[in-house]
């Protein structure tokens, strides 16, 4: 599954995570893990590979995959990313 940032969305790092700015919808803060996920999406990395990367980074925590799916659903709802149809 592949996702991409929508047009008009910008991300910028901050001291503790980052800020996601939506051209016509304001902005919100994300924690460091969320910023890492969004950065990987911006780089064009597929969701399955992001999950693998995060599991390695966070020692195969059982909740990683579930949390990433919840977070990506939230990003879709907020208009930050769109999922590309295969």
PDB file of N, CA and C in Angstrom:
ATOM      1  N   UNK A   1       0.852  -1.173   0.000  1.00  0.00           N
ATOM      2  CA  UNK A   1       0.000   0.000   0.000  1.00  0.00           C
ATOM      3  C   UNK A   1       0.898   1.237   0.000  1.00  0.00           C
ATOM      4  N   UNK A   2       0.593   2.148  -0.897  1.00  0.00           N
ATOM      5  CA  UNK A   2       1.418   3.339  -1.037  1.00  0.00           C
ATOM      6  C   UNK A   2       0.575   4.571  -0.723  1.00  0.00           C
ATOM      7  N   UNK A   3       1.186   5.515  -0.044  1.00  0.00           N
ATOM      8  CA  UNK A   3       0.509   6.766   0.297  1.00  0.00           C
ATOM      9  C   UNK A   3       1.394   7.917  -0.142  1.00  0.00           C
ATOM     10  N   UNK A   4       0.791   9.089  -0.289  1.00  0.00           N
ATOM     11  CA  UNK A   4       1.582  10.275  -0.608  1.00  0.00           C
ATOM     12  C   UNK A   4       0.948  11.483   0.063  1.00  0.00           C
ATOM     13  N   UNK A   5       1.787  12.493   0.304  1.00  0.00           N
ATOM     14  CA  UNK A   5       1.270  13.731   0.870  1.00  0.00           C
ATOM     15  C   UNK A   5       0.392  14.398  -0.167  1.00  0.00           C
ATOM     16  N   UNK A   6      -0.692  15.015   0.280  1.00  0.00           N
ATOM     17  CA  UNK A   6      -1.558  15.741  -0.643  1.00  0.00           C
ATOM     18  C   UNK A   6      -0.914  17.059  -1.015  1.00  0.00           C
ATOM     19  N   UNK A   7      -1.331  17.629  -2.122  1.00  0.00           N
ATOM     20  CA  UNK A   7      -0.804  18.928  -2.541  1.00  0.00           C
ATOM     21  C   UNK A   7      -1.133  19.970  -1.488  1.00  0.00           C
ATOM     22  N   UNK A   8      -0.195  20.851  -1.237  1.00  0.00           N
ATOM     23  CA  UNK A   8      -0.411  21.917  -0.269  1.00  0.00           C
ATOM     24  C   UNK A   8      -0.073  21.547   1.161  1.00  0.00           C
ATOM     25  N   UNK A   9       0.375  20.309   1.398  1.00  0.00           N
ATOM     26  CA  UNK A   9       0.748  19.875   2.746  1.00  0.00           C
ATOM     27  C   UNK A   9       2.252  20.037   2.907  1.00  0.00           C
ATOM     28  N   UNK A  10       2.622  20.666   4.003  1.00  0.00           N
ATOM     29  CA  UNK A  10       4.044  20.835   4.316  1.00  0.00           C
ATOM     30  C   UNK A  10       4.298  20.307   5.715  1.00  0.00           C
ATOM     31  N   UNK A  11       5.493  19.772   5.903  1.00  0.00           N
ATOM     32  CA  UNK A  11       5.879  19.326   7.243  1.00  0.00           C
ATOM     33  C   UNK A  11       7.184  20.018   7.601  1.00  0.00           C
ATOM     34  N   UNK A  12       7.322  20.315   8.877  1.00  0.00           N
ATOM     35  CA  UNK A  12       8.591  20.897   9.319  1.00  0.00           C
ATOM     36  C   UNK A  12       8.925  20.348  10.703  1.00  0.00           C
ATOM     37  N   UNK A  13      10.201  20.059  10.906  1.00  0.00           N
ATOM     38  CA  UNK A  13      10.615  19.519  12.205  1.00  0.00           C
ATOM     39  C   UNK A  13      10.569  20.583  13.295  1.00  0.00           C
ATOM     40  N   UNK A  14      10.316  20.133  14.500  1.00  0.00           N
ATOM     41  CA  UNK A  14      10.329  20.988  15.683  1.00  0.00           C
ATOM     42  C   UNK A  14      11.146  20.258  16.748  1.00  0.00           C
ATOM     43  N   UNK A  15      11.309  20.879  17.884  1.00  0.00           N
ATOM     44  CA  UNK A  15      12.114  20.282  18.953  1.00  0.00           C
ATOM     45  C   UNK A  15      11.589  18.906  19.373  1.00  0.00           C
ATOM     46  N   UNK A  16      10.289  18.769  19.516  1.00  0.00           N
ATOM     47  CA  UNK A  16       9.701  17.497  19.941  1.00  0.00           C
ATOM     48  C   UNK A  16       8.687  17.043  18.909  1.00  0.00           C
ATOM     49  N   UNK A  17       9.167  16.554  17.778  1.00  0.00           N
ATOM     50  CA  UNK A  17       8.278  16.083  16.726  1.00  0.00           C
ATOM     51  C   UNK A  17       8.285  17.030  15.554  1.00  0.00           C
ATOM     52  N   UNK A  18       7.105  17.464  15.170  1.00  0.00           N
ATOM     53  CA  UNK A  18       7.028  18.363  14.036  1.00  0.00           C
ATOM     54  C   UNK A  18       5.651  18.959  13.885  1.00  0.00           C
ATOM     55  N   UNK A  19       5.519  19.806  12.871  1.00  0.00           N
ATOM     56  CA  UNK A  19       4.251  20.460  12.574  1.00  0.00           C
ATOM     57  C   UNK A  19       3.854  20.089  11.152  1.00  0.00           C
ATOM     58  N   UNK A  20       2.582  19.753  10.986  1.00  0.00           N
ATOM     59  CA  UNK A  20       2.021  19.477   9.672  1.00  0.00           C
ATOM     60  C   UNK A  20       1.137  20.660   9.325  1.00  0.00           C
ATOM     61  N   UNK A  21       1.435  21.315   8.210  1.00  0.00           N
ATOM     62  CA  UNK A  21       0.637  22.453   7.764  1.00  0.00           C
ATOM     63  C   UNK A  21      -0.155  22.038   6.534  1.00  0.00           C
ATOM     64  N   UNK A  22      -1.457  22.293   6.579  1.00  0.00           N
ATOM     65  CA  UNK A  22      -2.330  21.993   5.455  1.00  0.00           C
ATOM     66  C   UNK A  22      -2.729  23.326   4.844  1.00  0.00           C
ATOM     67  N   UNK A  23      -2.493  23.476   3.549  1.00  0.00           N
ATOM     68  CA  UNK A  23      -2.675  24.752   2.865  1.00  0.00           C
ATOM     69  C   UNK A  23      -4.003  25.427   3.208  1.00  0.00           C
ATOM     70  N   UNK A  24      -5.095  24.681   3.155  1.00  0.00           N
ATOM     71  CA  UNK A  24      -6.401  25.291   3.398  1.00  0.00           C
ATOM     72  C   UNK A  24      -7.083  24.784   4.664  1.00  0.00           C
ATOM     73  N   UNK A  25      -6.309  24.166   5.583  1.00  0.00           N
ATOM     74  CA  UNK A  25      -6.966  23.598   6.752  1.00  0.00           C
ATOM     75  C   UNK A  25      -6.239  23.760   8.064  1.00  0.00           C
ATOM     76  N   UNK A  26      -5.314  24.693   8.159  1.00  0.00           N
ATOM     77  CA  UNK A  26      -4.636  24.914   9.422  1.00  0.00           C
ATOM     78  C   UNK A  26      -3.402  24.048   9.593  1.00  0.00           C
ATOM     79  N   UNK A  27      -3.081  23.780  10.859  1.00  0.00           N
ATOM     80  CA  UNK A  27      -1.871  23.017  11.172  1.00  0.00           C
ATOM     81  C   UNK A  27      -2.081  22.240  12.466  1.00  0.00           C
ATOM     82  N   UNK A  28      -1.285  21.201  12.652  1.00  0.00           N
ATOM     83  CA  UNK A  28      -1.307  20.481  13.922  1.00  0.00           C
ATOM     84  C   UNK A  28       0.059  19.879  14.185  1.00  0.00           C
ATOM     85  N   UNK A  29       0.322  19.594  15.447  1.00  0.00           N
ATOM     86  CA  UNK A  29       1.614  19.044  15.867  1.00  0.00           C
ATOM     87  C   UNK A  29       1.545  17.528  15.886  1.00  0.00           C
ATOM     88  N   UNK A  30       2.683  16.909  15.618  1.00  0.00           N
ATOM     89  CA  UNK A  30       2.802  15.458  15.730  1.00  0.00           C
ATOM     90  C   UNK A  30       4.022  15.145  16.589  1.00  0.00           C
ATOM     91  N   UNK A  31       3.963  14.000  17.259  1.00  0.00           N
ATOM     92  CA  UNK A  31       5.096  13.586  18.093  1.00  0.00           C
ATOM     93  C   UNK A  31       6.234  13.083  17.193  1.00  0.00           C
ATOM     94  N   UNK A  32       7.400  12.802  17.771  1.00  0.00           N
ATOM     95  CA  UNK A  32       8.541  12.363  16.948  1.00  0.00           C
ATOM     96  C   UNK A  32       8.258  11.114  16.106  1.00  0.00           C
ATOM     97  N   UNK A  33       7.504  10.172  16.654  1.00  0.00           N
ATOM     98  CA  UNK A  33       7.185   8.960  15.896  1.00  0.00           C
ATOM     99  C   UNK A  33       6.278   9.309  14.719  1.00  0.00           C
ATOM    100  N   UNK A  34       5.273  10.134  14.970  1.00  0.00           N
ATOM    101  CA  UNK A  34       4.380  10.572  13.897  1.00  0.00           C
ATOM    102  C   UNK A  34       5.127  11.325  12.818  1.00  0.00           C
ATOM    103  N   UNK A  35       6.054  12.168  13.224  1.00  0.00           N
ATOM    104  CA  UNK A  35       6.841  12.925  12.255  1.00  0.00           C
ATOM    105  C   UNK A  35       7.708  11.980  11.422  1.00  0.00           C
ATOM    106  N   UNK A  36       8.254  10.962  12.064  1.00  0.00           N
ATOM    107  CA  UNK A  36       9.062   9.958  11.368  1.00  0.00           C
ATOM    108  C   UNK A  36       8.214   9.245  10.309  1.00  0.00           C
ATOM    109  N   UNK A  37       7.000   8.871  10.670  1.00  0.00           N
ATOM    110  CA  UNK A  37       6.100   8.187   9.737  1.00  0.00           C
ATOM    111  C   UNK A  37       5.768   9.092   8.550  1.00  0.00           C
ATOM    112  N   UNK A  38       5.396  10.338   8.831  1.00  0.00           N
ATOM    113  CA  UNK A  38       5.049  11.272   7.756  1.00  0.00           C
ATOM    114  C   UNK A  38       6.258  11.529   6.855  1.00  0.00           C
ATOM    115  N   UNK A  39       7.431  11.641   7.435  1.00  0.00           N
ATOM    116  CA  UNK A  39       8.647  11.862   6.648  1.00  0.00           C
ATOM    117  C   UNK A  39       8.904  10.691   5.700  1.00  0.00           C
ATOM    118  N   UNK A  40       8.670   9.475   6.185  1.00  0.00           N
ATOM    119  CA  UNK A  40       8.861   8.296   5.334  1.00  0.00           C
ATOM    120  C   UNK A  40       7.826   8.260   4.208  1.00  0.00           C
ATOM    121  N   UNK A  41       6.590   8.669   4.505  1.00  0.00           N
ATOM    122  CA  UNK A  41       5.561   8.747   3.465  1.00  0.00           C
ATOM    123  C   UNK A  41       5.982   9.768   2.413  1.00  0.00           C
ATOM    124  N   UNK A  42       6.490  10.909   2.879  1.00  0.00           N
ATOM    125  CA  UNK A  42       6.939  11.958   1.958  1.00  0.00           C
ATOM    126  C   UNK A  42       8.048  11.446   1.034  1.00  0.00           C
ATOM    127  N   UNK A  43       8.910  10.585   1.554  1.00  0.00           N
ATOM    128  CA  UNK A  43      10.004  10.015   0.761  1.00  0.00           C
ATOM    129  C   UNK A  43       9.526   8.948  -0.218  1.00  0.00           C
ATOM    130  N   UNK A  44       8.247   8.570  -0.137  1.00  0.00           N
ATOM    131  CA  UNK A  44       7.698   7.586  -1.063  1.00  0.00           C
ATOM    132  C   UNK A  44       7.811   6.152  -0.598  1.00  0.00           C
ATOM    133  N   UNK A  45       8.107   5.957   0.671  1.00  0.00           N
ATOM    134  CA  UNK A  45       8.237   4.598   1.211  1.00  0.00           C
ATOM    135  C   UNK A  45       6.838   4.019   1.436  1.00  0.00           C
ATOM    136  N   UNK A  46       6.635   2.777   1.005  1.00  0.00           N
ATOM    137  CA  UNK A  46       5.335   2.131   1.152  1.00  0.00           C
ATOM    138  C   UNK A  46       5.029   1.854   2.623  1.00  0.00           C
ATOM    139  N   UNK A  47       3.738   1.838   2.947  1.00  0.00           N
ATOM    140  CA  UNK A  47       3.282   1.652   4.335  1.00  0.00           C
ATOM    141  C   UNK A  47       3.855   0.362   4.929  1.00  0.00           C
ATOM    142  N   UNK A  48       3.855  -0.729   4.151  1.00  0.00           N
ATOM    143  CA  UNK A  48       4.384  -2.005   4.658  1.00  0.00           C
ATOM    144  C   UNK A  48       5.851  -1.880   5.068  1.00  0.00           C
ATOM    145  N   UNK A  49       6.618  -1.124   4.295  1.00  0.00           N
ATOM    146  CA  UNK A  49       8.035  -0.926   4.625  1.00  0.00           C
ATOM    147  C   UNK A  49       8.194  -0.001   5.831  1.00  0.00           C
ATOM    148  N   UNK A  50       7.294   0.973   5.952  1.00  0.00           N
ATOM    149  CA  UNK A  50       7.329   1.858   7.123  1.00  0.00           C
ATOM    150  C   UNK A  50       7.091   1.035   8.384  1.00  0.00           C
ATOM    151  N   UNK A  51       6.107   0.135   8.325  1.00  0.00           N
ATOM    152  CA  UNK A  51       5.819  -0.732   9.475  1.00  0.00           C
ATOM    153  C   UNK A  51       7.057  -1.555   9.828  1.00  0.00           C
ATOM    154  N   UNK A  52       7.698  -2.133   8.807  1.00  0.00           N
ATOM    155  CA  UNK A  52       8.911  -2.934   9.037  1.00  0.00           C
ATOM    156  C   UNK A  52      10.005  -2.078   9.674  1.00  0.00           C
ATOM    157  N   UNK A  53      10.226  -0.870   9.128  1.00  0.00           N
ATOM    158  CA  UNK A  53      11.249   0.030   9.671  1.00  0.00           C
ATOM    159  C   UNK A  53      10.965   0.383  11.129  1.00  0.00           C
ATOM    160  N   UNK A  54       9.702   0.680  11.430  1.00  0.00           N
ATOM    161  CA  UNK A  54       9.344   1.098  12.784  1.00  0.00           C
ATOM    162  C   UNK A  54       9.428  -0.076  13.760  1.00  0.00           C
ATOM    163  N   UNK A  55       9.081  -1.289  13.305  1.00  0.00           N
ATOM    164  CA  UNK A  55       9.211  -2.465  14.171  1.00  0.00           C
ATOM    165  C   UNK A  55      10.672  -2.686  14.544  1.00  0.00           C
ATOM    166  N   UNK A  56      11.570  -2.507  13.570  1.00  0.00           N
ATOM    167  CA  UNK A  56      12.999  -2.652  13.856  1.00  0.00           C
ATOM    168  C   UNK A  56      13.458  -1.576  14.829  1.00  0.00           C
ATOM    169  N   UNK A  57      12.989  -0.373  14.612  1.00  0.00           N
ATOM    170  CA  UNK A  57      13.405   0.760  15.439  1.00  0.00           C
ATOM    171  C   UNK A  57      12.893   0.629  16.877  1.00  0.00           C
ATOM    172  N   UNK A  58      11.665   0.131  17.029  1.00  0.00           N
ATOM    173  CA  UNK A  58      11.059   0.045  18.357  1.00  0.00           C
ATOM    174  C   UNK A  58      10.969  -1.390  18.854  1.00  0.00           C
ATOM    175  N   UNK A  59      11.953  -2.198  18.473  1.00  0.00           N
ATOM    176  CA  UNK A  59      12.149  -3.545  19.003  1.00  0.00           C
ATOM    177  C   UNK A  59      10.927  -4.439  18.877  1.00  0.00           C
ATOM    178  N   UNK A  60      10.316  -4.409  17.701  1.00  0.00           N
ATOM    179  CA  UNK A  60       9.216  -5.315  17.365  1.00  0.00           C
ATOM    180  C   UNK A  60       8.054  -5.241  18.356  1.00  0.00           C
ATOM    181  N   UNK A  61       7.752  -4.050  18.818  1.00  0.00           N
ATOM    182  CA  UNK A  61       6.613  -3.857  19.715  1.00  0.00           C
ATOM    183  C   UNK A  61       5.334  -4.322  19.009  1.00  0.00           C
ATOM    184  N   UNK A  62       4.492  -5.107  19.692  1.00  0.00           N
ATOM    185  CA  UNK A  62       3.291  -5.653  19.044  1.00  0.00           C
ATOM    186  C   UNK A  62       2.277  -4.585  18.607  1.00  0.00           C
ATOM    187  N   UNK A  63       2.324  -3.428  19.222  1.00  0.00           N
ATOM    188  CA  UNK A  63       1.344  -2.389  18.893  1.00  0.00           C
ATOM    189  C   UNK A  63       1.780  -1.501  17.731  1.00  0.00           C
ATOM    190  N   UNK A  64       3.001  -1.637  17.258  1.00  0.00           N
ATOM    191  CA  UNK A  64       3.520  -0.740  16.223  1.00  0.00           C
ATOM    192  C   UNK A  64       2.632  -0.752  14.982  1.00  0.00           C
ATOM    193  N   UNK A  65       2.340  -1.941  14.464  1.00  0.00           N
ATOM    194  CA  UNK A  65       1.552  -2.041  13.232  1.00  0.00           C
ATOM    195  C   UNK A  65       0.165  -1.433  13.414  1.00  0.00           C
ATOM    196  N   UNK A  66      -0.488  -1.768  14.520  1.00  0.00           N
ATOM    197  CA  UNK A  66      -1.819  -1.229  14.812  1.00  0.00           C
ATOM    198  C   UNK A  66      -1.781   0.297  14.923  1.00  0.00           C
ATOM    199  N   UNK A  67      -0.785   0.822  15.629  1.00  0.00           N
ATOM    200  CA  UNK A  67      -0.661   2.272  15.801  1.00  0.00           C
ATOM    201  C   UNK A  67      -0.412   2.986  14.477  1.00  0.00           C
ATOM    202  N   UNK A  68       0.398   2.394  13.607  1.00  0.00           N
ATOM    203  CA  UNK A  68       0.670   3.011  12.307  1.00  0.00           C
ATOM    204  C   UNK A  68      -0.600   3.043  11.466  1.00  0.00           C
ATOM    205  N   UNK A  69      -1.376   1.959  11.483  1.00  0.00           N
ATOM    206  CA  UNK A  69      -2.627   1.947  10.722  1.00  0.00           C
ATOM    207  C   UNK A  69      -3.604   2.999  11.256  1.00  0.00           C
ATOM    208  N   UNK A  70      -3.709   3.127  12.573  1.00  0.00           N
ATOM    209  CA  UNK A  70      -4.580   4.158  13.162  1.00  0.00           C
ATOM    210  C   UNK A  70      -4.120   5.550  12.757  1.00  0.00           C
ATOM    211  N   UNK A  71      -2.800   5.781  12.833  1.00  0.00           N
ATOM    212  CA  UNK A  71      -2.245   7.092  12.513  1.00  0.00           C
ATOM    213  C   UNK A  71      -2.452   7.431  11.039  1.00  0.00           C
ATOM    214  N   UNK A  72      -2.237   6.462  10.146  1.00  0.00           N
ATOM    215  CA  UNK A  72      -2.429   6.746   8.721  1.00  0.00           C
ATOM    216  C   UNK A  72      -3.902   7.006   8.413  1.00  0.00           C
ATOM    217  N   UNK A  73      -4.821   6.300   9.078  1.00  0.00           N
ATOM    218  CA  UNK A  73      -6.256   6.590   8.895  1.00  0.00           C
ATOM    219  C   UNK A  73      -6.567   8.015   9.319  1.00  0.00           C
ATOM    220  N   UNK A  74      -5.979   8.445  10.446  1.00  0.00           N
ATOM    221  CA  UNK A  74      -6.191   9.815  10.917  1.00  0.00           C
ATOM    222  C   UNK A  74      -5.648  10.820   9.897  1.00  0.00           C
ATOM    223  N   UNK A  75      -4.475  10.535   9.325  1.00  0.00           N
ATOM    224  CA  UNK A  75      -3.892  11.436   8.331  1.00  0.00           C
ATOM    225  C   UNK A  75      -4.766  11.536   7.084  1.00  0.00           C
ATOM    226  N   UNK A  76      -5.388  10.425   6.690  1.00  0.00           N
ATOM    227  CA  UNK A  76      -6.303  10.450   5.544  1.00  0.00           C
ATOM    228  C   UNK A  76      -7.521  11.307   5.886  1.00  0.00           C
ATOM    229  N   UNK A  77      -8.106  11.092   7.074  1.00  0.00           N
ATOM    230  CA  UNK A  77      -9.276  11.863   7.503  1.00  0.00           C
ATOM    231  C   UNK A  77      -8.978  13.354   7.587  1.00  0.00           C
ATOM    232  N   UNK A  78      -7.771  13.706   8.027  1.00  0.00           N
ATOM    233  CA  UNK A  78      -7.381  15.115   8.170  1.00  0.00           C
ATOM    234  C   UNK A  78      -6.991  15.750   6.834  1.00  0.00           C
ATOM    235  N   UNK A  79      -6.911  14.949   5.782  1.00  0.00           N
ATOM    236  CA  UNK A  79      -6.547  15.473   4.470  1.00  0.00           C
ATOM    237  C   UNK A  79      -5.057  15.689   4.270  1.00  0.00           C
ATOM    238  N   UNK A  80      -4.239  14.992   5.054  1.00  0.00           N
ATOM    239  CA  UNK A  80      -2.788  15.144   4.959  1.00  0.00           C
ATOM    240  C   UNK A  80      -2.214  14.226   3.880  1.00  0.00           C
ATOM    241  N   UNK A  81      -2.696  12.995   3.833  1.00  0.00           N
ATOM    242  CA  UNK A  81      -2.196  12.038   2.842  1.00  0.00           C
ATOM    243  C   UNK A  81      -3.360  11.451   2.063  1.00  0.00           C
ATOM    244  N   UNK A  82      -3.030  10.848   0.941  1.00  0.00           N
ATOM    245  CA  UNK A  82      -4.011  10.062   0.200  1.00  0.00           C
ATOM    246  C   UNK A  82      -3.375   8.717  -0.123  1.00  0.00           C
ATOM    247  N   UNK A  83      -4.199   7.692  -0.101  1.00  0.00           N
ATOM    248  CA  UNK A  83      -3.734   6.343  -0.397  1.00  0.00           C
ATOM    249  C   UNK A  83      -3.883   6.127  -1.899  1.00  0.00           C
ATOM    250  N   UNK A  84      -2.812   5.678  -2.531  1.00  0.00           N
ATOM    251  CA  UNK A  84      -2.847   5.428  -3.969  1.00  0.00           C
ATOM    252  C   UNK A  84      -3.441   4.051  -4.226  1.00  0.00           C
ATOM    253  N   UNK A  85      -4.367   3.991  -5.154  1.00  0.00           N
ATOM    254  CA  UNK A  85      -4.994   2.720  -5.527  1.00  0.00           C
ATOM    255  C   UNK A  85      -4.026   1.930  -6.391  1.00  0.00           C
ATOM    256  N   UNK A  86      -3.936   0.650  -6.125  1.00  0.00           N
ATOM    257  CA  UNK A  86      -2.997  -0.217  -6.867  1.00  0.00           C
ATOM    258  C   UNK A  86      -3.573  -0.559  -8.220  1.00  0.00           C
TER     259      UNK A  86
END
